[in-house]
Amino acid sequence: MSDIETLRRILATTRVIAVVGLSAEWHRPSYFAAKYMQEHGYRIVPVNPKYDEILGERCYRSLEDIRDKVDMVDVFRRTADVLPIARAAITIGAKVLWQQLGVVNEEADRLAREHGLDSVMDRCVKIEHARLFGGLNWAGVDTKVISAKRPRWLPY
């Protein structure tokens, strides 16, 4: 499910994102994406047994340990690790299984869809949110400035 309407619906109706494999290291893609989503009003629920807390939120050892409702399970793990995560997403009642860039597990995708979840593969939640809700610019961040004029600092 990578058409624009589906991605926009998923991101507009999601409020709580469990990020499996979220790192506490600021330079890791998982941290950057989760921080961006948190700054845009989403509650991030970190899932990584290495940490107690990430981005000011309690970190859980597994999806099954989370007691709050989760809308989306965002997977920052190797493709081979996704199938059990998909099963856990179904068990906790998530609505979406999202496999990040470079992560494509067809079996997990099929299983998620069979159980009524939306499933997205090989896409970055941060990039898609920024693309669909106006958060991209030259540097990839939201400047809150909309203009057709070329910035003076550009060399051409």
Protein backbone atom coordinates (compact mmCIF):
# COMPACT_ATOMS: atom_id res chain seq x y z
CA MET A 1 0.00 0.00 0.00
CA SER A 2 2.07 2.85 -1.21
CA ASP A 3 -0.42 5.01 -3.08
CA ILE A 4 -0.64 8.58 -1.86
CA GLU A 5 -4.22 8.38 -0.62
CA THR A 6 -3.50 5.31 1.53
CA LEU A 7 -0.29 6.76 2.97
CA ARG A 8 -2.04 10.05 3.74
CA ARG A 9 -4.94 8.22 5.45
CA ILE A 10 -2.55 6.09 7.52
CA LEU A 11 -0.51 9.07 8.68
CA ALA A 12 -3.59 11.21 9.33
CA THR A 13 -5.30 8.60 11.51
CA THR A 14 -2.25 7.30 13.38
CA ARG A 15 -1.49 8.82 16.78
CA VAL A 16 0.70 6.24 18.56
CA ILE A 17 3.70 4.66 16.84
CA ALA A 18 5.65 1.79 18.37
CA VAL A 19 9.13 1.94 16.84
CA VAL A 20 10.76 -1.49 16.93
CA GLY A 21 14.53 -1.18 16.86
CA LEU A 22 14.58 2.49 17.88
CA SER A 23 18.10 3.54 18.85
CA ALA A 24 18.96 6.13 21.52
CA GLU A 25 21.90 7.29 19.38
CA TRP A 26 20.97 10.65 17.83
CA HIS A 27 22.72 9.98 14.52
CA ARG A 28 20.85 6.72 13.76
CA PRO A 29 18.03 6.88 11.17
CA SER A 30 15.52 5.37 13.62
CA TYR A 31 16.19 8.15 16.15
CA PHE A 32 15.98 10.88 13.51
CA ALA A 33 12.67 9.55 12.12
CA ALA A 34 11.11 8.99 15.56
CA LYS A 35 12.15 12.44 16.79
CA TYR A 36 10.65 14.04 13.69
CA MET A 37 7.36 12.18 14.17
CA GLN A 38 7.30 13.05 17.88
CA GLU A 39 7.83 16.72 17.03
CA HIS A 40 4.86 16.48 14.67
CA GLY A 41 2.41 15.34 17.33
CA TYR A 42 2.77 11.57 17.32
CA ARG A 43 3.40 9.63 20.50
CA ILE A 44 6.46 7.43 20.07
CA VAL A 45 6.68 4.15 21.98
CA PRO A 46 10.26 2.83 21.79
CA VAL A 47 10.77 -0.94 21.55
CA ASN A 48 14.38 -1.98 22.18
CA PRO A 49 15.60 -4.18 25.04
CA LYS A 50 18.92 -2.27 25.21
CA TYR A 51 17.44 0.91 26.68
CA ASP A 52 15.20 2.06 29.55
CA GLU A 53 14.14 5.33 27.90
CA ILE A 54 14.40 7.02 24.50
CA LEU A 55 13.10 10.47 23.53
CA GLY A 56 11.60 10.89 27.00
CA GLU A 57 9.44 7.77 26.64
CA ARG A 58 9.71 4.48 28.50
CA CYS A 59 11.36 1.85 26.31
CA TYR A 60 9.80 -1.63 26.10
CA ARG A 61 11.52 -4.97 25.56
CA SER A 62 8.83 -6.19 23.13
CA LEU A 63 5.56 -5.13 21.54
CA GLU A 64 3.67 -7.48 23.85
CA ASP A 65 4.95 -5.55 26.89
CA ILE A 66 3.18 -2.35 25.79
CA ARG A 67 -0.08 -1.80 27.70
CA ASP A 68 -1.28 1.27 25.78
CA LYS A 69 -3.06 1.20 22.44
CA VAL A 70 -0.68 1.23 19.45
CA ASP A 71 -1.83 2.40 16.02
CA MET A 72 1.30 1.69 13.99
CA VAL A 73 4.28 -0.63 14.37
CA ASP A 74 7.24 0.97 12.58
CA VAL A 75 10.00 -1.60 11.97
CA PHE A 76 13.69 -0.62 11.99
CA ARG A 77 14.99 -4.19 11.90
CA ARG A 78 16.43 -6.54 9.29
CA THR A 79 14.00 -8.07 6.82
CA ALA A 80 14.54 -11.52 8.37
CA ASP A 81 13.33 -10.20 11.76
CA VAL A 82 10.00 -8.79 10.56
CA LEU A 83 7.70 -11.85 10.55
CA PRO A 84 7.60 -12.29 14.36
CA ILE A 85 7.15 -8.53 14.69
CA ALA A 86 4.17 -8.73 12.32
CA ARG A 87 2.68 -11.49 14.47
CA ALA A 88 3.16 -9.35 17.57
CA ALA A 89 1.59 -6.34 15.82
CA ILE A 90 -1.49 -8.46 15.12
CA THR A 91 -1.57 -9.69 18.72
CA ILE A 92 -1.51 -6.18 20.21
CA GLY A 93 -4.19 -4.91 17.83
CA ALA A 94 -2.10 -2.48 15.79
CA LYS A 95 -3.71 -1.08 12.65
CA VAL A 96 -0.55 -0.67 10.55
CA LEU A 97 2.68 -2.58 9.97
CA TRP A 98 5.26 -0.22 8.46
CA GLN A 99 8.56 -1.62 7.18
CA GLN A 100 11.19 1.09 6.82
CA LEU A 101 13.41 1.80 3.81
CA GLY A 102 15.26 -1.32 2.72
CA VAL A 103 12.98 -3.62 4.72
CA VAL A 104 10.78 -5.83 2.52
CA ASN A 105 9.32 -8.96 4.09
CA GLU A 106 6.60 -10.20 1.76
CA GLU A 107 5.42 -12.90 4.17
CA ALA A 108 4.98 -10.39 7.00
CA ASP A 109 3.17 -8.08 4.58
CA ARG A 110 0.78 -10.88 3.54
CA LEU A 111 0.15 -11.93 7.14
CA ALA A 112 -0.58 -8.36 8.23
CA ARG A 113 -3.03 -7.82 5.37
CA GLU A 114 -4.77 -11.14 6.03
CA HIS A 115 -5.42 -9.93 9.58
CA GLY A 116 -6.80 -6.56 8.47
CA LEU A 117 -3.75 -4.37 9.02
CA ASP A 118 -2.57 -1.81 6.51
CA SER A 119 0.94 -2.74 5.47
CA VAL A 120 3.66 -0.53 4.01
CA MET A 121 7.08 -1.78 2.89
CA ASP A 122 10.33 -0.08 1.93
CA ARG A 123 9.23 3.42 2.90
CA CYS A 124 10.37 5.88 5.56
CA VAL A 125 7.57 7.18 7.76
CA LYS A 126 9.40 10.49 8.25
CA ILE A 127 9.98 11.03 4.53
CA GLU A 128 6.39 10.12 3.66
CA HIS A 129 4.99 12.40 6.37
CA ALA A 130 7.18 15.29 5.24
CA ARG A 131 6.32 14.69 1.57
CA LEU A 132 2.57 14.45 2.14
CA PHE A 133 2.14 17.04 4.89
CA GLY A 134 4.60 19.74 3.80
CA GLY A 135 7.68 19.07 5.92
CA LEU A 136 10.34 18.95 3.20
CA ASN A 137 12.55 21.73 1.89
CA TRP A 138 16.10 22.00 0.58
CA ALA A 139 17.56 20.63 3.81
CA GLY A 140 14.80 18.08 4.42
CA VAL A 141 13.26 19.92 7.35
CA ASP A 142 10.22 22.16 7.76
CA THR A 143 11.11 25.86 7.69
CA LYS A 144 7.45 27.01 7.74
CA VAL A 145 8.28 29.18 4.67
CA ILE A 146 6.47 28.59 1.39
CA SER A 147 7.92 30.46 -1.55
CA ALA A 148 8.57 29.98 -5.25
CA LYS A 149 11.54 32.35 -5.09
CA ARG A 150 15.01 30.84 -5.23
CA PRO A 151 16.99 31.53 -2.03
CA ARG A 152 19.76 34.13 -2.51
CA TRP A 153 22.37 31.81 -1.00
CA LEU A 154 22.04 29.33 -3.88
CA PRO A 155 25.04 29.62 -6.25
CA TYR A 156 22.96 29.58 -9.45
